[in-house]
Protein backbone atom coordinates (compact mmCIF):
# COMPACT_ATOMS: atom_id res chain seq x y z
CA MET A 1 -15.66 -6.50 -3.65
CA LEU A 2 -14.85 -3.95 -0.99
CA CYS A 3 -15.71 -4.38 2.67
CA VAL A 4 -16.63 -1.07 4.28
CA ALA A 5 -15.60 -0.69 7.90
CA GLY A 6 -18.54 0.55 9.89
CA LYS A 7 -21.11 -0.37 7.22
CA LEU A 8 -21.03 -4.00 6.13
CA ALA A 9 -21.77 -6.25 9.09
CA ASN A 10 -21.37 -10.01 9.00
CA LYS A 11 -20.61 -10.16 5.31
CA ALA A 12 -17.72 -12.16 3.90
CA CYS A 13 -15.67 -10.99 0.94
CA LEU A 14 -14.20 -14.17 -0.55
CA SER A 15 -12.28 -14.47 -3.78
CA THR A 16 -10.69 -17.22 -5.82
CA THR A 17 -7.77 -16.92 -8.22
CA ALA A 18 -5.64 -19.34 -10.19
CA ASN A 19 -1.95 -19.89 -9.58
CA LYS A 20 0.71 -20.40 -12.21
CA SER A 21 -0.19 -24.07 -12.65
CA GLY A 22 -3.87 -23.23 -13.08
CA GLN A 23 -4.97 -24.60 -9.72
CA ALA A 24 -7.60 -22.63 -7.86
CA THR A 25 -6.31 -20.80 -4.82
CA ASP A 26 -8.25 -18.85 -2.24
CA ARG A 27 -6.99 -15.66 -0.67
CA ALA A 28 -7.56 -15.03 2.98
CA THR A 29 -9.99 -12.14 3.19
CA PHE A 30 -11.73 -10.04 5.78
CA ILE A 31 -15.13 -10.42 7.30
CA SER A 32 -16.84 -7.84 9.45
CA THR A 33 -17.65 -9.07 12.94
CA GLY A 34 -20.07 -6.28 13.65
CA GLY A 35 -19.85 -3.87 16.53
CA ASN A 36 -19.76 -0.12 16.84
CA PRO A 37 -17.82 2.64 15.26
CA GLY A 38 -14.70 0.47 15.01
CA GLU A 39 -16.06 -2.74 13.62
CA ARG A 40 -13.53 -5.54 13.60
CA PHE A 41 -12.39 -7.57 10.66
CA ALA A 42 -11.32 -11.15 11.24
CA ARG A 43 -9.13 -12.97 8.77
CA VAL A 44 -10.86 -16.03 7.35
CA LYS A 45 -8.63 -18.70 5.87
CA PRO A 46 -10.64 -20.81 3.41
CA THR A 47 -10.29 -24.53 4.06
CA THR A 48 -9.89 -27.06 1.25
CA PHE A 49 -11.28 -30.58 1.36
CA GLN A 50 -11.78 -33.21 -1.32
CA THR A 51 -14.86 -35.34 -2.04
CA GLY A 52 -15.43 -37.54 -5.07
CA GLY A 53 -12.54 -36.01 -7.01
CA TRP A 54 -13.85 -32.43 -6.59
CA LYS A 55 -12.22 -29.87 -4.36
CA PHE A 56 -14.46 -27.61 -2.35
CA ARG A 57 -13.36 -24.52 -0.51
CA CYS A 58 -15.24 -22.97 2.31
CA ALA A 59 -14.81 -20.78 5.36
CA ILE A 60 -15.70 -23.11 8.18
CA VAL A 61 -18.21 -21.50 10.51
CA LEU A 62 -16.55 -22.84 13.64
CA THR A 63 -13.24 -21.31 12.53
CA LEU A 64 -14.94 -17.97 11.98
CA VAL A 65 -16.63 -18.08 15.37
CA ALA A 66 -13.28 -18.78 16.96
CA LEU A 67 -11.75 -15.80 15.16
CA ILE A 68 -14.47 -13.35 16.13
CA GLY A 69 -13.37 -11.42 19.17
CA ARG A 70 -9.70 -12.00 18.53
CA ALA A 71 -9.36 -10.41 15.13
CA ASP A 72 -6.04 -8.90 14.10
CA GLU A 73 -5.40 -5.98 16.46
CA SER A 74 -4.63 -3.63 13.59
CA TRP A 75 -8.25 -3.80 12.41
CA GLN A 76 -9.68 -3.04 15.84
CA THR A 77 -8.63 0.59 15.68
CA ASN A 78 -11.56 2.94 15.73
CA TYR A 79 -11.13 4.04 12.13
CA ALA A 80 -14.82 4.83 11.84
CA ALA A 81 -14.26 7.75 14.21
CA PHE A 82 -11.98 9.30 11.61
CA GLY A 83 -13.72 8.40 8.37
CA LYS A 84 -14.46 5.42 6.14
CA LEU A 85 -12.05 2.53 5.66
CA LEU A 86 -12.53 0.34 2.61
CA VAL A 87 -10.67 -2.97 2.46
CA GLY A 88 -10.78 -5.28 -0.53
CA SER A 89 -8.99 -7.27 -3.18
CA PHE A 90 -7.64 -5.58 -6.34
CA SER A 91 -6.89 -7.47 -9.55
CA THR A 92 -4.18 -4.84 -10.16
CA ALA A 93 -2.62 -5.13 -6.68
CA PRO A 94 1.11 -5.81 -6.47
CA PHE A 95 0.60 -9.54 -5.94
CA PRO A 96 0.34 -12.22 -7.12
CA HIS A 97 3.05 -11.65 -9.74
CA PRO A 98 4.85 -14.07 -12.11
CA ALA A 99 8.24 -13.09 -10.70
CA ARG A 100 7.23 -14.52 -7.32
CA ALA A 101 5.15 -17.44 -8.57
CA GLU A 102 7.61 -19.79 -6.90
CA GLY A 103 8.11 -17.57 -3.88
CA ARG A 104 11.57 -16.35 -2.91
CA THR A 105 14.49 -17.72 -0.94
CA ARG A 106 16.57 -15.39 1.20
CA ASP A 107 19.32 -16.35 3.64
CA GLY A 108 18.41 -19.99 3.25
CA LYS A 109 14.72 -19.51 4.09
CA ASN A 110 11.96 -19.94 1.55
CA TYR A 111 9.09 -17.47 1.51
CA SER A 112 6.34 -19.28 -0.36
CA ALA A 113 4.10 -17.65 -2.93
CA ALA A 114 0.98 -18.89 -1.12
CA GLU A 115 1.90 -17.30 2.19
CA HIS A 116 3.85 -14.21 1.16
CA TYR A 117 3.00 -13.28 -2.44
CA SER A 118 -0.70 -13.96 -2.98
CA ASP A 119 -2.41 -11.31 -0.85
CA SER A 120 -4.06 -8.69 -3.08
CA THR A 121 -5.48 -6.65 -0.22
CA VAL A 122 -5.71 -2.88 -0.65
CA ALA A 123 -6.95 -0.45 2.01
CA LEU A 124 -8.46 2.91 1.09
CA PHE A 125 -9.22 5.52 3.73
CA ILE A 126 -11.56 8.47 3.13
CA PRO A 127 -11.42 11.01 5.98
CA LYS A 128 -14.50 12.57 7.48
CA ASP A 129 -15.65 15.77 5.77
CA PHE A 130 -13.88 14.71 2.56
CA ARG A 131 -15.13 16.85 -0.32
CA THR A 132 -15.47 15.27 -3.74
CA THR A 133 -14.32 17.75 -6.38
CA ASP A 134 -13.56 17.48 -10.08
CA GLU A 135 -10.20 15.96 -9.18
CA VAL A 136 -9.43 13.57 -6.32
CA ASP A 137 -6.00 13.71 -4.69
CA PHE A 138 -4.28 10.60 -3.37
CA VAL A 139 -1.44 9.57 -1.08
CA ILE A 140 -0.28 6.01 -1.71
CA HIS A 141 1.86 4.54 1.06
CA PHE A 142 4.04 1.45 0.63
CA HIS A 143 5.10 -0.62 3.61
CA GLY A 144 8.55 -2.07 4.13
CA TRP A 145 9.95 -5.49 4.94
CA ASN A 146 8.16 -7.95 7.20
CA ASN A 147 4.95 -5.96 7.37
CA THR A 148 1.39 -5.88 6.05
CA VAL A 149 -1.35 -3.38 5.29
CA ALA A 150 -2.97 -4.01 8.67
CA GLY A 151 0.31 -3.78 10.56
CA THR A 152 1.35 -0.58 8.80
CA LEU A 153 -1.90 1.26 9.49
CA GLU A 154 -1.71 0.46 13.19
CA GLN A 155 2.03 0.57 13.85
CA PHE A 156 2.57 3.96 12.26
CA ASN A 157 -0.76 5.55 13.19
CA LEU A 158 -1.29 6.52 9.56
CA VAL A 159 -5.04 7.13 9.71
CA ARG A 160 -4.85 9.48 12.69
CA GLN A 161 -1.95 11.40 11.16
CA PHE A 162 -3.75 11.60 7.85
CA CYS A 163 -6.80 13.12 9.55
CA ASP A 164 -4.71 15.46 11.70
CA SER A 165 -3.20 16.99 8.57
CA GLY A 166 -6.60 18.35 7.51
CA LYS A 167 -5.96 17.54 3.87
CA ASN A 168 -8.72 16.72 1.40
CA ALA A 169 -7.31 13.52 -0.04
CA ILE A 170 -7.64 9.73 0.07
CA LEU A 171 -5.03 7.41 1.54
CA ILE A 172 -4.30 4.09 -0.20
CA VAL A 173 -2.14 1.32 1.27
CA PRO A 174 -1.59 -1.77 -0.92
CA GLU A 175 -0.25 -5.07 0.39
CA GLY A 176 3.36 -5.62 -0.66
CA PRO A 177 5.31 -8.80 0.11
CA HIS A 178 3.31 -10.17 3.05
CA ASN A 179 5.53 -10.39 6.14
CA ALA A 180 8.57 -11.02 3.97
CA PRO A 181 12.05 -9.44 3.70
CA ASP A 182 11.52 -8.24 0.13
CA SER A 183 11.31 -4.84 -1.57
CA PHE A 184 9.78 -6.03 -4.85
CA GLY A 185 6.61 -4.16 -5.80
CA GLY A 186 5.07 -6.77 -8.08
CA LYS A 187 2.67 -5.50 -10.75
CA LEU A 188 3.14 -1.89 -9.65
CA GLU A 189 6.69 -2.06 -10.97
CA ASP A 190 5.49 -3.16 -14.41
CA THR A 191 5.18 -0.55 -17.15
CA ASN A 192 1.89 1.31 -16.59
CA GLY A 193 1.13 -1.04 -13.71
CA PHE A 194 0.45 1.88 -11.41
CA LYS A 195 -1.83 3.50 -13.99
CA VAL A 196 -4.18 0.51 -14.11
CA PHE A 197 -4.02 0.22 -10.31
CA MET A 198 -5.20 3.82 -9.90
CA THR A 199 -7.90 3.25 -12.51
CA GLU A 200 -9.22 0.33 -10.47
CA ALA A 201 -9.04 2.40 -7.28
CA MET A 202 -11.21 5.10 -8.86
CA GLU A 203 -13.69 2.51 -10.12
CA LYS A 204 -14.07 0.93 -6.71
CA LEU A 205 -14.37 4.27 -4.96
CA ARG A 206 -17.15 5.29 -7.35
CA ALA A 207 -18.92 1.94 -6.90
CA SER A 208 -18.74 2.27 -3.11
CA GLY A 209 -20.46 5.64 -3.19
CA ALA A 210 -17.44 7.34 -1.62
CA LEU A 211 -17.18 9.77 -4.55
CA GLU A 212 -20.57 11.43 -4.52
CA ASN A 213 -20.50 14.22 -7.07
CA SER A 214 -23.80 13.93 -8.92
CA GLU A 215 -23.93 17.53 -10.11
CA ARG A 216 -20.58 17.38 -11.83
CA ARG A 217 -18.77 15.12 -14.27
CA PRO A 218 -17.21 12.00 -12.76
CA PRO A 219 -14.13 13.06 -10.76
CA GLN A 220 -10.71 12.35 -12.20
CA ILE A 221 -7.36 11.56 -10.59
CA GLY A 222 -5.73 14.74 -9.30
CA ASN A 223 -2.45 15.13 -7.41
CA VAL A 224 -0.71 11.86 -6.56
CA ILE A 225 1.87 11.53 -3.79
CA LEU A 226 3.98 8.42 -3.15
CA SER A 227 5.10 7.60 0.38
CA GLY A 228 7.25 4.69 1.44
CA HIS A 229 9.00 3.31 4.49
CA SER A 230 12.16 1.23 4.27
CA GLY A 231 11.86 -1.30 1.43
CA GLY A 232 8.93 0.66 0.00
CA TYR A 233 11.48 2.67 -1.98
CA HIS A 234 11.78 0.00 -4.66
CA VAL A 235 8.22 0.11 -5.92
CA MET A 236 8.26 3.91 -5.69
CA ALA A 237 11.34 4.02 -7.92
CA GLY A 238 9.56 1.87 -10.48
CA ILE A 239 6.44 4.02 -10.42
CA VAL A 240 8.21 7.37 -10.91
CA ASP A 241 10.10 5.80 -13.81
CA ARG A 242 7.37 3.93 -15.71
CA GLY A 243 4.13 3.94 -13.73
CA GLY A 244 2.16 5.96 -16.28
CA VAL A 245 0.75 8.48 -13.78
CA PRO A 246 2.25 11.92 -13.04
CA ILE A 247 3.67 12.01 -9.51
CA LYS A 248 3.77 15.31 -7.63
CA GLU A 249 5.72 14.28 -4.55
CA ALA A 250 7.77 11.33 -3.27
CA TRP A 251 8.41 10.81 0.44
CA LEU A 252 11.15 8.44 1.59
CA PHE A 253 10.99 7.45 5.24
CA ASP A 254 14.45 6.00 5.88
CA ALA A 255 14.09 4.39 2.49
CA LEU A 256 16.78 5.70 0.13
CA TYR A 257 18.63 2.41 -0.27
CA GLY A 258 19.05 2.53 -4.03
CA ASN A 259 17.49 3.22 -7.42
CA THR A 260 18.47 6.80 -6.67
CA ASP A 261 18.83 7.72 -10.33
CA ASN A 262 15.12 7.08 -10.82
CA PHE A 263 14.20 9.58 -8.12
CA VAL A 264 16.71 12.15 -9.35
CA ALA A 265 15.48 11.88 -12.95
CA TRP A 266 11.83 12.10 -11.88
CA GLN A 267 12.40 15.14 -9.66
CA LYS A 268 14.24 16.97 -12.44
CA ARG A 269 11.72 16.04 -15.12
CA ALA A 270 8.53 16.65 -13.12
CA ARG A 271 9.86 19.36 -10.80
CA GLY A 272 8.46 17.17 -8.08
CA ARG A 273 8.91 17.52 -4.35
CA MET A 274 11.26 14.89 -2.88
CA MET A 275 11.37 14.44 0.90
CA ASN A 276 13.99 12.15 2.38
CA ILE A 277 14.27 11.54 6.12
CA TYR A 278 17.14 9.26 7.12
CA THR A 279 18.61 7.76 10.28
CA ASP A 280 22.13 6.95 11.44
CA HIS A 281 21.67 3.21 11.54
CA GLY A 282 18.86 2.37 9.10
CA GLY A 283 21.22 1.83 6.18
CA THR A 284 20.26 4.94 4.20
CA LYS A 285 22.70 7.52 5.56
CA ASP A 286 25.50 6.88 3.08
CA GLU A 287 23.20 7.00 0.05
CA SER A 288 21.54 10.18 1.33
CA GLU A 289 24.86 11.94 1.95
CA THR A 290 26.20 10.80 -1.42
CA LEU A 291 23.17 12.28 -3.17
CA MET A 292 23.51 15.55 -1.29
CA ALA A 293 27.18 15.75 -2.30
CA SER A 294 26.22 15.14 -5.93
CA TYR A 295 23.58 17.85 -5.81
CA LYS A 296 26.09 20.27 -4.30
CA THR A 297 28.69 19.47 -6.96
CA ASN A 298 26.13 20.00 -9.73
CA GLY A 299 24.69 23.18 -8.30
CA VAL A 300 21.27 21.71 -7.53
CA SER A 301 19.44 23.56 -4.79
CA PHE A 302 18.27 21.52 -1.80
CA VAL A 303 17.65 21.93 1.92
CA SER A 304 19.33 19.83 4.61
CA LEU A 305 17.76 19.88 8.07
CA GLU A 306 18.24 18.36 11.49
CA GLU A 307 14.94 16.85 12.50
CA THR A 308 15.25 17.98 16.11
CA ASN A 309 16.02 21.59 15.15
CA ARG A 310 13.47 22.63 12.57
CA ALA A 311 9.94 23.92 12.23
CA THR A 312 7.20 22.34 10.14
CA GLN A 313 7.30 25.26 7.71
CA ASP A 314 10.97 24.50 6.99
CA LEU A 315 9.78 21.48 5.03
CA ALA A 316 8.30 23.78 2.39
CA LYS A 317 11.51 25.73 1.72
CA SER A 318 12.67 23.60 -1.19
CA LYS A 319 11.55 21.00 -3.72
CA ILE A 320 14.31 18.73 -2.39
CA VAL A 321 14.56 18.23 1.37
CA PHE A 322 16.88 15.98 3.36
CA ILE A 323 16.15 15.48 7.05
CA HIS A 324 18.61 13.79 9.39
CA THR A 325 16.97 12.36 12.51
CA ASP A 326 18.03 10.77 15.76
CA LEU A 327 14.98 8.50 15.64
CA THR A 328 15.21 4.79 14.91
CA HIS A 329 14.29 3.19 11.60
CA ASN A 330 10.73 2.34 12.62
CA GLU A 331 10.08 5.65 14.38
CA VAL A 332 10.63 8.02 11.48
CA ILE A 333 7.00 7.96 10.27
CA PHE A 334 5.11 8.47 13.50
CA ARG A 335 7.16 9.31 16.60
CA ARG A 336 7.11 13.07 15.99
CA GLY A 337 4.25 13.12 13.54
CA GLU A 338 6.45 13.30 10.44
CA PHE A 339 3.84 11.77 8.15
CA ALA A 340 1.31 14.42 9.19
CA GLN A 341 3.86 17.20 8.79
CA PHE A 342 4.79 16.05 5.30
CA LEU A 343 1.09 16.15 4.49
CA GLN A 344 0.58 19.60 5.99
CA THR A 345 3.32 21.10 3.81
CA SER A 346 2.34 19.19 0.65
CA CYS A 347 0.58 20.27 -2.54
CA LEU A 348 -2.73 18.86 -1.27
CA ASN A 349 -5.70 21.14 -0.60
CA ASP A 350 -7.22 21.55 2.84
CA LYS A 351 -10.68 20.15 3.57
């Protein structure tokens, strides 16, 4: 079920899944706490108790009351002023995934499956004045390490930038590893995993009434753009290689750490647009410069720009664009409106 920000008040969206051992597990979900244009969503953690050999799970009312009014800050943003935000659980979301059924240990610390690899939250944002046509265009953004869907939307001002671009498309942000130092993209890295994910996205958008197009045939998937910050590169590399959906553009926000051959092969095969902005100290400079040197050796045309000395229209000069910036790793998406500028010069239609 999808919760609609600004529409569903005081309604919980709870779901139960089974873990690898077959035990029932509840995912923390979102519940609208009412209010005005920017209704808040509080996280509700189901509580387990045992009586007579049976386990019951419930969201304790007192816990919910305590959460109301201090919901996660990222969901307090006035998204309703910009359009409609849908938040829900996808069966095809990156997680849970068998490869992280036991969690993951890094640098001596264990990141449990329950806390870091069981959240199947997906956010979909439909901007105001969105026009439903025969084909619906999408931008799917993947967050990096130690982040979440909620944190990404707020920290990088994605919704505002998306609206400022004036593009007629829908933004999707799936939950990756939840607050964990991990680049794995779960089910979206499986063969055709992205295809079934996009199919579910279309189904839920239709069911929500967001795709109102009664006089025409049901809209189909149109142009698809992948966007990723930092560790988001890994799932993007899997999708362009075996995701089962044609990708028009791939945007790497200080994210070219590896799997470069996948991006190179995709760009050559699909004639796609590849945008790579990199910093001095984010760990992507060497890989970016190595790729540029390879392109130069092989006679592949590309554009290399300094982020502080270029115009927005320069981003449209080539199918392959490298941008060196003086910004920090976490500033490259929002500080100078790069996400919006990538959108403005993309293949997407205006509203």
